[in-house]
C-alpha atoms as a PDB file:
ATOM      1  CA  MET A   1      90.906 122.220  77.487  1.00  0.00           C
ATOM      2  CA  GLY A   2      90.709 125.777  77.919  1.00  0.00           C
ATOM      3  CA  SER A   3      88.443 126.299  80.494  1.00  0.00           C
ATOM      4  CA  PRO A   4      89.344 126.427  84.089  1.00  0.00           C
ATOM      5  CA  GLU A   5      86.612 123.878  85.143  1.00  0.00           C
ATOM      6  CA  SER A   6      88.734 121.264  82.891  1.00  0.00           C
ATOM      7  CA  SER A   7      91.925 122.570  83.466  1.00  0.00           C
ATOM      8  CA  VAL A   8      95.067 120.446  82.390  1.00  0.00           C
ATOM      9  CA  TRP A   9      98.100 122.932  82.476  1.00  0.00           C
ATOM     10  CA  GLY A  10      97.023 124.953  85.368  1.00  0.00           C
ATOM     11  CA  GLY A  11      95.944 127.959  83.461  1.00  0.00           C
ATOM     12  CA  GLU A  12      93.491 128.985  86.337  1.00  0.00           C
ATOM     13  CA  ARG A  13      96.452 129.108  88.727  1.00  0.00           C
ATOM     14  CA  LEU A  14      98.598 131.321  86.593  1.00  0.00           C
ATOM     15  CA  ASP A  15      98.859 135.088  86.993  1.00  0.00           C
ATOM     16  CA  LEU A  16      98.225 135.869  83.568  1.00  0.00           C
ATOM     17  CA  ASP A  17      98.727 139.699  83.861  1.00  0.00           C
ATOM     18  CA  ALA A  18     102.141 139.035  85.687  1.00  0.00           C
ATOM     19  CA  TYR A  19     103.084 136.670  82.696  1.00  0.00           C
ATOM     20  CA  LEU A  20     102.149 139.063  79.945  1.00  0.00           C
ATOM     21  CA  ALA A  21     103.866 142.069  81.680  1.00  0.00           C
ATOM     22  CA  ARG A  22     106.985 139.800  82.092  1.00  0.00           C
ATOM     23  CA  ILE A  23     107.007 138.963  78.256  1.00  0.00           C
ATOM     24  CA  GLY A  24     106.345 142.337  77.362  1.00  0.00           C
ATOM     25  CA  TYR A  25     102.717 141.714  75.688  1.00  0.00           C
ATOM     26  CA  ALA A  26     100.009 144.087  75.885  1.00  0.00           C
ATOM     27  CA  GLY A  27      97.771 142.889  73.020  1.00  0.00           C
ATOM     28  CA  GLU A  28      94.432 141.118  72.735  1.00  0.00           C
ATOM     29  CA  ARG A  29      93.723 138.244  74.679  1.00  0.00           C
ATOM     30  CA  ALA A  30      91.938 135.810  72.351  1.00  0.00           C
ATOM     31  CA  PRO A  31      92.716 132.298  70.905  1.00  0.00           C
ATOM     32  CA  THR A  32      93.563 133.614  67.641  1.00  0.00           C
ATOM     33  CA  LEU A  33      96.546 132.999  65.246  1.00  0.00           C
ATOM     34  CA  ASP A  34      97.657 136.795  65.198  1.00  0.00           C
ATOM     35  CA  VAL A  35      97.660 136.468  69.095  1.00  0.00           C
ATOM     36  CA  LEU A  36      99.605 133.250  69.202  1.00  0.00           C
ATOM     37  CA  THR A  37     102.260 134.461  66.626  1.00  0.00           C
ATOM     38  CA  ALA A  38     102.751 137.474  69.255  1.00  0.00           C
ATOM     39  CA  LEU A  39     102.760 135.433  72.280  1.00  0.00           C
ATOM     40  CA  HIS A  40     105.427 133.158  70.745  1.00  0.00           C
ATOM     41  CA  ALA A  41     107.863 135.832  69.571  1.00  0.00           C
ATOM     42  CA  ALA A  42     107.338 137.629  73.127  1.00  0.00           C
ATOM     43  CA  HIS A  43     108.150 134.750  75.220  1.00  0.00           C
ATOM     44  CA  LEU A  44     111.239 133.945  73.346  1.00  0.00           C
ATOM     45  CA  THR A  45     112.692 137.352  73.494  1.00  0.00           C
ATOM     46  CA  ALA A  46     111.943 137.727  76.971  1.00  0.00           C
ATOM     47  CA  LEU A  47     112.768 134.350  78.745  1.00  0.00           C
ATOM     48  CA  PRO A  48     115.984 132.567  77.914  1.00  0.00           C
ATOM     49  CA  PHE A  49     116.659 129.013  78.007  1.00  0.00           C
ATOM     50  CA  GLU A  50     118.829 128.119  80.855  1.00  0.00           C
ATOM     51  CA  ASN A  51     119.696 125.159  83.191  1.00  0.00           C
ATOM     52  CA  LEU A  52     121.516 126.883  86.203  1.00  0.00           C
ATOM     53  CA  GLU A  53     119.250 124.948  88.763  1.00  0.00           C
ATOM     54  CA  VAL A  54     120.795 121.688  87.115  1.00  0.00           C
ATOM     55  CA  VAL A  55     124.224 123.057  87.115  1.00  0.00           C
ATOM     56  CA  LEU A  56     123.862 124.447  90.842  1.00  0.00           C
ATOM     57  CA  GLY A  57     122.465 121.021  92.004  1.00  0.00           C
ATOM     58  CA  ARG A  58     118.767 121.936  92.634  1.00  0.00           C
ATOM     59  CA  THR A  59     115.786 119.854  91.463  1.00  0.00           C
ATOM     60  CA  VAL A  60     113.699 121.326  88.798  1.00  0.00           C
ATOM     61  CA  ARG A  61     110.250 122.137  89.899  1.00  0.00           C
ATOM     62  CA  LEU A  62     107.521 122.105  87.211  1.00  0.00           C
ATOM     63  CA  ASP A  63     104.253 123.384  89.310  1.00  0.00           C
ATOM     64  CA  VAL A  64     102.782 126.618  87.780  1.00  0.00           C
ATOM     65  CA  GLU A  65     103.401 128.325  91.219  1.00  0.00           C
ATOM     66  CA  SER A  66     107.285 127.462  91.233  1.00  0.00           C
ATOM     67  CA  LEU A  67     107.442 128.419  87.457  1.00  0.00           C
ATOM     68  CA  GLN A  68     105.608 131.748  88.292  1.00  0.00           C
ATOM     69  CA  ALA A  69     108.210 132.466  91.187  1.00  0.00           C
ATOM     70  CA  LYS A  70     111.294 131.573  89.159  1.00  0.00           C
ATOM     71  CA  MET A  71     110.325 132.828  85.818  1.00  0.00           C
ATOM     72  CA  VAL A  72     107.959 135.593  85.988  1.00  0.00           C
ATOM     73  CA  ARG A  73     108.802 137.249  89.483  1.00  0.00           C
ATOM     74  CA  ARG A  74     112.509 136.787  88.845  1.00  0.00           C
ATOM     75  CA  PRO A  75     115.081 137.510  85.944  1.00  0.00           C
ATOM     76  CA  ARG A  76     115.465 134.004  85.232  1.00  0.00           C
ATOM     77  CA  GLY A  77     114.709 131.474  82.555  1.00  0.00           C
ATOM     78  CA  GLY A  78     114.270 127.887  82.205  1.00  0.00           C
ATOM     79  CA  THR A  79     114.893 124.494  80.406  1.00  0.00           C
ATOM     80  CA  CYS A  80     112.516 123.165  77.752  1.00  0.00           C
ATOM     81  CA  CYS A  81     110.182 121.753  80.126  1.00  0.00           C
ATOM     82  CA  GLU A  82     109.687 124.888  82.335  1.00  0.00           C
ATOM     83  CA  HIS A  83     109.129 126.889  79.235  1.00  0.00           C
ATOM     84  CA  THR A  84     106.604 124.792  77.705  1.00  0.00           C
ATOM     85  CA  LEU A  85     104.531 124.361  80.949  1.00  0.00           C
ATOM     86  CA  LEU A  86     104.657 127.880  81.698  1.00  0.00           C
ATOM     87  CA  TYR A  87     103.622 129.006  77.942  1.00  0.00           C
ATOM     88  CA  ALA A  88     101.003 125.947  78.041  1.00  0.00           C
ATOM     89  CA  ALA A  89      99.426 127.550  81.451  1.00  0.00           C
ATOM     90  CA  ALA A  90      99.158 130.947  79.752  1.00  0.00           C
ATOM     91  CA  LEU A  91      97.539 129.480  76.387  1.00  0.00           C
ATOM     92  CA  GLU A  92      95.056 127.845  78.330  1.00  0.00           C
ATOM     93  CA  ALA A  93      94.197 130.654  80.408  1.00  0.00           C
ATOM     94  CA  ILE A  94      93.649 132.625  77.298  1.00  0.00           C
ATOM     95  CA  GLY A  95      91.381 130.060  75.884  1.00  0.00           C
ATOM     96  CA  PHE A  96      93.502 128.022  73.165  1.00  0.00           C
ATOM     97  CA  THR A  97      92.952 124.635  72.242  1.00  0.00           C
ATOM     98  CA  PHE A  98      96.275 122.502  71.975  1.00  0.00           C
ATOM     99  CA  THR A  99      98.018 119.212  72.608  1.00  0.00           C
ATOM    100  CA  ALA A 100     101.751 119.036  74.115  1.00  0.00           C
ATOM    101  CA  THR A 101     103.915 116.324  72.283  1.00  0.00           C
ATOM    102  CA  ALA A 102     107.660 115.021  72.615  1.00  0.00           C
ATOM    103  CA  SER A 103     110.221 115.122  69.895  1.00  0.00           C
ATOM    104  CA  ARG A 104     113.214 113.359  69.378  1.00  0.00           C
ATOM    105  CA  VAL A 105     115.999 115.825  69.054  1.00  0.00           C
ATOM    106  CA  ARG A 106     118.755 115.143  66.464  1.00  0.00           C
ATOM    107  CA  MET A 107     121.027 118.157  66.070  1.00  0.00           C
ATOM    108  CA  HIS A 108     121.846 116.323  62.593  1.00  0.00           C
ATOM    109  CA  GLU A 109     123.041 113.195  64.258  1.00  0.00           C
ATOM    110  CA  PRO A 110     121.886 109.729  62.957  1.00  0.00           C
ATOM    111  CA  ARG A 111     121.225 108.318  66.440  1.00  0.00           C
ATOM    112  CA  THR A 112     117.957 107.816  67.538  1.00  0.00           C
ATOM    113  CA  ARG A 113     117.765 109.800  70.935  1.00  0.00           C
ATOM    114  CA  PRO A 114     114.759 109.702  73.552  1.00  0.00           C
ATOM    115  CA  ALA A 115     111.680 111.797  72.848  1.00  0.00           C
ATOM    116  CA  THR A 116     112.548 114.613  75.680  1.00  0.00           C
ATOM    117  CA  HIS A 117     111.985 117.737  73.958  1.00  0.00           C
ATOM    118  CA  ALA A 118     108.453 119.210  74.533  1.00  0.00           C
ATOM    119  CA  SER A 119     106.273 121.610  72.215  1.00  0.00           C
ATOM    120  CA  LEU A 120     102.518 122.069  71.507  1.00  0.00           C
ATOM    121  CA  ARG A 121     100.410 121.670  68.662  1.00  0.00           C
ATOM    122  CA  VAL A 122      97.622 124.174  68.787  1.00  0.00           C
ATOM    123  CA  GLU A 123      94.369 123.982  66.971  1.00  0.00           C
ATOM    124  CA  LEU A 124      93.208 126.919  65.279  1.00  0.00           C
ATOM    125  CA  ASP A 125      90.106 127.080  62.368  1.00  0.00           C
ATOM    126  CA  GLY A 126      90.460 123.213  61.561  1.00  0.00           C
ATOM    127  CA  ALA A 127      94.266 123.581  61.251  1.00  0.00           C
ATOM    128  CA  GLU A 128      97.051 122.613  63.236  1.00  0.00           C
ATOM    129  CA  TRP A 129      99.981 125.173  64.298  1.00  0.00           C
ATOM    130  CA  PHE A 130     103.185 124.052  65.707  1.00  0.00           C
ATOM    131  CA  THR A 131     104.644 126.411  68.712  1.00  0.00           C
ATOM    132  CA  ASP A 132     107.841 126.032  70.362  1.00  0.00           C
ATOM    133  CA  VAL A 133     109.313 128.317  72.791  1.00  0.00           C
ATOM    134  CA  GLY A 134     111.569 125.831  74.840  1.00  0.00           C
ATOM    135  CA  PHE A 135     114.386 124.991  72.017  1.00  0.00           C
ATOM    136  CA  GLY A 136     116.590 128.031  72.704  1.00  0.00           C
ATOM    137  CA  ALA A 137     118.428 129.706  70.379  1.00  0.00           C
ATOM    138  CA  GLU A 138     117.551 127.352  67.594  1.00  0.00           C
ATOM    139  CA  SER A 139     113.836 127.915  68.210  1.00  0.00           C
ATOM    140  CA  PRO A 140     111.531 129.549  65.321  1.00  0.00           C
ATOM    141  CA  ARG A 141     110.429 132.806  66.302  1.00  0.00           C
ATOM    142  CA  ALA A 142     106.738 131.986  64.978  1.00  0.00           C
ATOM    143  CA  PRO A 143     104.354 129.129  64.883  1.00  0.00           C
ATOM    144  CA  LEU A 144     104.414 127.004  61.748  1.00  0.00           C
ATOM    145  CA  ARG A 145     101.643 125.352  60.046  1.00  0.00           C
ATOM    146  CA  LEU A 146     101.931 121.608  60.891  1.00  0.00           C
ATOM    147  CA  ARG A 147     102.232 120.367  57.370  1.00  0.00           C
ATOM    148  CA  ASP A 148     104.776 118.748  54.918  1.00  0.00           C
ATOM    149  CA  GLY A 149     106.971 121.555  53.117  1.00  0.00           C
ATOM    150  CA  GLU A 150     105.938 124.472  55.466  1.00  0.00           C
ATOM    151  CA  ILE A 151     108.698 126.967  55.327  1.00  0.00           C
ATOM    152  CA  LEU A 152     109.278 129.918  57.603  1.00  0.00           C
ATOM    153  CA  ARG A 153     111.554 132.748  56.823  1.00  0.00           C
ATOM    154  CA  GLN A 154     112.786 135.056  59.528  1.00  0.00           C
ATOM    155  CA  GLY A 155     115.464 137.582  58.652  1.00  0.00           C
ATOM    156  CA  GLY A 156     118.364 135.535  57.977  1.00  0.00           C
ATOM    157  CA  TRP A 157     116.909 132.182  59.356  1.00  0.00           C
ATOM    158  CA  THR A 158     114.745 129.867  57.540  1.00  0.00           C
ATOM    159  CA  TYR A 159     113.217 126.829  58.746  1.00  0.00           C
ATOM    160  CA  THR A 160     111.050 123.988  57.319  1.00  0.00           C
ATOM    161  CA  LEU A 161     108.819 121.033  58.210  1.00  0.00           C
ATOM    162  CA  ALA A 162     109.841 117.927  56.128  1.00  0.00           C
ATOM    163  CA  ARG A 163     107.845 114.847  56.190  1.00  0.00           C
ATOM    164  CA  GLU A 164     109.970 111.646  56.091  1.00  0.00           C
ATOM    165  CA  GLU A 165     109.182 108.238  55.123  1.00  0.00           C
ATOM    166  CA  GLY A 166     108.370 105.495  57.657  1.00  0.00           C
ATOM    167  CA  PRO A 167     110.418 102.565  58.486  1.00  0.00           C
ATOM    168  CA  THR A 168     108.395 100.364  56.046  1.00  0.00           C
ATOM    169  CA  PRO A 169     107.687 101.011  52.592  1.00  0.00           C
ATOM    170  CA  GLY A 170     104.450 103.150  51.971  1.00  0.00           C
ATOM    171  CA  THR A 171     104.168 104.356  55.528  1.00  0.00           C
ATOM    172  CA  GLN A 172     104.722 108.080  56.879  1.00  0.00           C
ATOM    173  CA  GLY A 173     107.538 108.828  59.292  1.00  0.00           C
ATOM    174  CA  PRO A 174     107.469 111.915  61.398  1.00  0.00           C
ATOM    175  CA  LEU A 175     107.670 115.634  60.424  1.00  0.00           C
ATOM    176  CA  VAL A 176     111.077 116.992  60.891  1.00  0.00           C
ATOM    177  CA  LEU A 177     112.105 120.680  62.014  1.00  0.00           C
ATOM    178  CA  ARG A 178     114.958 121.775  60.129  1.00  0.00           C
ATOM    179  CA  ARG A 179     116.699 124.826  59.559  1.00  0.00           C
ATOM    180  CA  LEU A 180     118.792 126.115  56.567  1.00  0.00           C
ATOM    181  CA  ARG A 181     122.359 126.684  57.451  1.00  0.00           C
ATOM    182  CA  GLN A 182     125.421 127.568  55.087  1.00  0.00           C
ATOM    183  CA  ASP A 183     126.073 123.958  54.111  1.00  0.00           C
ATOM    184  CA  GLY A 184     122.117 123.103  53.522  1.00  0.00           C
ATOM    185  CA  TRP A 185     119.327 122.126  55.646  1.00  0.00           C
ATOM    186  CA  PHE A 186     120.036 120.966  59.350  1.00  0.00           C
ATOM    187  CA  ASP A 187     117.684 118.456  61.436  1.00  0.00           C
ATOM    188  CA  LEU A 188     116.670 119.925  64.708  1.00  0.00           C
ATOM    189  CA  TYR A 189     113.998 117.338  65.823  1.00  0.00           C
ATOM    190  CA  ALA A 190     111.657 115.057  64.684  1.00  0.00           C
ATOM    191  CA  ILE A 191     108.026 116.078  65.945  1.00  0.00           C
ATOM    192  CA  GLY A 192     106.225 113.297  67.901  1.00  0.00           C
ATOM    193  CA  THR A 193     102.380 112.740  67.886  1.00  0.00           C
ATOM    194  CA  GLU A 194     101.457 111.186  70.817  1.00  0.00           C
ATOM    195  CA  PRO A 195      99.636 113.575  73.159  1.00  0.00           C
ATOM    196  CA  ARG A 196     101.824 114.379  76.649  1.00  0.00           C
ATOM    197  CA  PHE A 197     100.745 115.666  79.852  1.00  0.00           C
ATOM    198  CA  PRO A 198     102.304 117.344  82.728  1.00  0.00           C
ATOM    199  CA  ILE A 199     103.116 114.446  84.705  1.00  0.00           C
ATOM    200  CA  ASP A 200     104.984 113.090  81.463  1.00  0.00           C
ATOM    201  CA  PHE A 201     107.074 116.611  81.696  1.00  0.00           C
ATOM    202  CA  THR A 202     108.159 115.392  85.217  1.00  0.00           C
ATOM    203  CA  VAL A 203     109.571 112.172  83.920  1.00  0.00           C
ATOM    204  CA  THR A 204     111.465 114.042  80.947  1.00  0.00           C
ATOM    205  CA  SER A 205     112.850 116.556  83.286  1.00  0.00           C
ATOM    206  CA  HIS A 206     114.114 114.138  85.808  1.00  0.00           C
ATOM    207  CA  PHE A 207     116.039 112.343  82.961  1.00  0.00           C
ATOM    208  CA  THR A 208     117.389 115.408  81.602  1.00  0.00           C
ATOM    209  CA  SER A 209     118.381 116.941  84.790  1.00  0.00           C
ATOM    210  CA  THR A 210     120.128 114.018  86.569  1.00  0.00           C
ATOM    211  CA  HIS A 211     121.120 111.139  84.095  1.00  0.00           C
ATOM    212  CA  PRO A 212     124.542 111.335  83.168  1.00  0.00           C
ATOM    213  CA  LEU A 213     123.899 110.883  79.521  1.00  0.00           C
ATOM    214  CA  SER A 214     121.671 113.686  79.333  1.00  0.00           C
ATOM    215  CA  PRO A 215     123.470 116.704  77.532  1.00  0.00           C
ATOM    216  CA  PHE A 216     122.241 118.995  80.298  1.00  0.00           C
ATOM    217  CA  HIS A 217     123.870 116.957  83.178  1.00  0.00           C
ATOM    218  CA  GLY A 218     126.823 118.939  84.451  1.00  0.00           C
ATOM    219  CA  THR A 219     126.820 121.584  81.384  1.00  0.00           C
ATOM    220  CA  LEU A 220     126.185 125.062  81.659  1.00  0.00           C
ATOM    221  CA  LEU A 221     123.897 126.002  78.948  1.00  0.00           C
ATOM    222  CA  VAL A 222     122.230 129.519  78.488  1.00  0.00           C
ATOM    223  CA  GLN A 223     120.586 130.369  75.267  1.00  0.00           C
ATOM    224  CA  LYS A 224     118.591 133.597  74.013  1.00  0.00           C
ATOM    225  CA  SER A 225     116.724 134.316  70.630  1.00  0.00           C
ATOM    226  CA  ALA A 226     116.625 137.713  69.221  1.00  0.00           C
ATOM    227  CA  ALA A 227     115.272 139.106  65.749  1.00  0.00           C
ATOM    228  CA  ASP A 228     118.832 140.029  65.006  1.00  0.00           C
ATOM    229  CA  ARG A 229     120.970 137.668  66.617  1.00  0.00           C
ATOM    230  CA  ARG A 230     120.984 134.456  68.759  1.00  0.00           C
ATOM    231  CA  LEU A 231     123.306 134.084  71.656  1.00  0.00           C
ATOM    232  CA  VAL A 232     124.630 130.529  73.253  1.00  0.00           C
ATOM    233  CA  LEU A 233     126.903 130.236  76.213  1.00  0.00           C
ATOM    234  CA  HIS A 234     128.023 126.799  76.622  1.00  0.00           C
ATOM    235  CA  HIS A 235     130.087 126.150  79.747  1.00  0.00           C
ATOM    236  CA  THR A 236     132.371 129.473  79.278  1.00  0.00           C
ATOM    237  CA  GLN A 237     132.131 129.898  75.484  1.00  0.00           C
ATOM    238  CA  LEU A 238     129.927 132.565  74.347  1.00  0.00           C
ATOM    239  CA  THR A 239     128.615 132.556  70.792  1.00  0.00           C
ATOM    240  CA  THR A 240     126.913 135.003  68.838  1.00  0.00           C
ATOM    241  CA  TYR A 241     124.973 133.837  65.797  1.00  0.00           C
ATOM    242  CA  LEU A 242     123.867 136.458  63.179  1.00  0.00           C
ATOM    243  CA  PRO A 243     121.216 136.581  60.463  1.00  0.00           C
ATOM    244  CA  ASP A 244     123.684 135.960  57.819  1.00  0.00           C
ATOM    245  CA  LEU A 245     124.502 132.789  59.342  1.00  0.00           C
ATOM    246  CA  SER A 246     128.319 134.098  60.587  1.00  0.00           C
ATOM    247  CA  THR A 247     129.236 133.545  64.066  1.00  0.00           C
ATOM    248  CA  ASP A 248     131.593 134.940  66.677  1.00  0.00           C
ATOM    249  CA  ARG A 249     133.013 133.044  69.572  1.00  0.00           C
ATOM    250  CA  ARG A 250     134.686 134.337  72.600  1.00  0.00           C
ATOM    251  CA  GLN A 251     135.842 132.494  76.032  1.00  0.00           C
ATOM    252  CA  VAL A 252     134.285 134.183  79.252  1.00  0.00           C
ATOM    253  CA  ALA A 253     136.383 134.260  82.363  1.00  0.00           C
ATOM    254  CA  ALA A 254     134.607 132.522  85.419  1.00  0.00           C
ATOM    255  CA  LYS A 255     134.432 135.782  87.463  1.00  0.00           C
ATOM    256  CA  GLU A 256     132.807 137.276  84.466  1.00  0.00           C
ATOM    257  CA  LEU A 257     129.734 134.815  84.071  1.00  0.00           C
ATOM    258  CA  PRO A 258     127.401 136.476  86.483  1.00  0.00           C
ATOM    259  CA  VAL A 259     127.880 139.840  84.263  1.00  0.00           C
ATOM    260  CA  VAL A 260     127.342 138.297  80.901  1.00  0.00           C
ATOM    261  CA  LEU A 261     124.337 136.381  82.346  1.00  0.00           C
ATOM    262  CA  SER A 262     122.826 139.599  83.411  1.00  0.00           C
ATOM    263  CA  GLU A 263     123.941 141.889  80.422  1.00  0.00           C
ATOM    264  CA  GLU A 264     123.653 139.575  77.534  1.00  0.00           C
ATOM    265  CA  PHE A 265     120.578 137.026  78.756  1.00  0.00           C
ATOM    266  CA  GLY A 266     118.778 138.910  81.188  1.00  0.00           C
ATOM    267  CA  VAL A 267     119.460 136.428  83.929  1.00  0.00           C
ATOM    268  CA  GLY A 268     120.081 137.611  87.444  1.00  0.00           C
ATOM    269  CA  LEU A 269     121.546 135.869  90.281  1.00  0.00           C
ATOM    270  CA  ASP A 270     121.586 136.711  93.659  1.00  0.00           C
ATOM    271  CA  ALA A 271     125.220 136.652  95.353  1.00  0.00           C
ATOM    272  CA  GLU A 272     125.059 133.124  96.523  1.00  0.00           C
ATOM    273  CA  ASP A 273     124.169 131.777  93.484  1.00  0.00           C
ATOM    274  CA  ALA A 274     126.652 133.955  91.315  1.00  0.00           C
ATOM    275  CA  ALA A 275     129.676 132.770  93.924  1.00  0.00           C
ATOM    276  CA  ALA A 276     128.649 129.230  93.434  1.00  0.00           C
ATOM    277  CA  LEU A 277     128.725 129.499  89.702  1.00  0.00           C
ATOM    278  CA  VAL A 278     132.106 131.362  89.502  1.00  0.00           C
ATOM    279  CA  ALA A 279     133.630 128.769  91.836  1.00  0.00           C
ATOM    280  CA  ARG A 280     132.520 125.976  89.629  1.00  0.00           C
ATOM    281  CA  TYR A 281     134.506 127.251  86.651  1.00  0.00           C
ATOM    282  CA  GLU A 282     137.560 128.965  88.568  1.00  0.00           C
END
């Protein structure tokens, strides 16, 4: 899967030098756990989650050339599908062996949601590692060994993978990614096992971008993960999550949105897009 001759994810079309410069990574380029861990953290730190294309009424384009033009060559981020496809192209270009899967987001709700969240399972030395750079502020900042009971502690944030029971006695259910909050473990999503391919992302992105039941349809959502804080802009409410699990919230005036996007999230809009976003919330 990692060679240009059998490219699935467009790694041969990615300007790898430009991508690595964009995320601030200057280390070794080899398919190892150390490199995967460093790339995971660098991508999350540099590239925010944002759905501004959806909010501004545009089509989300998922080909490698469009992803590079938007997220690498401009100060922009992207949706889950955009992040995962760009990251997959980079991993493929470096030589990693991996599979994409789709997960069912829970956010601690009991209802069954469609499998619309994308992530990667990377094979390294006979083990599988779970790496996800597209879940915004809730994303772990390092890969997790894909096994029941795995725990990842990062400052004040703690994650685990927990195996659920299947629908019938004696069967296994999915592994669920959970984050520890003040009131206990919080289910983020159930990780899928069926392989997904770029064409599947196109279907998923169309649903999340256009369907009225999608949480991203008509809702401004911008998120960024850092080692010392997590930021979430939901419509005009800016929330800061700190490692001690405390939060701080404030309302952002419509005219301040372009400045907040630039200063807090590293998202730069041209004058036309900035004016359209301000007009939407005035």
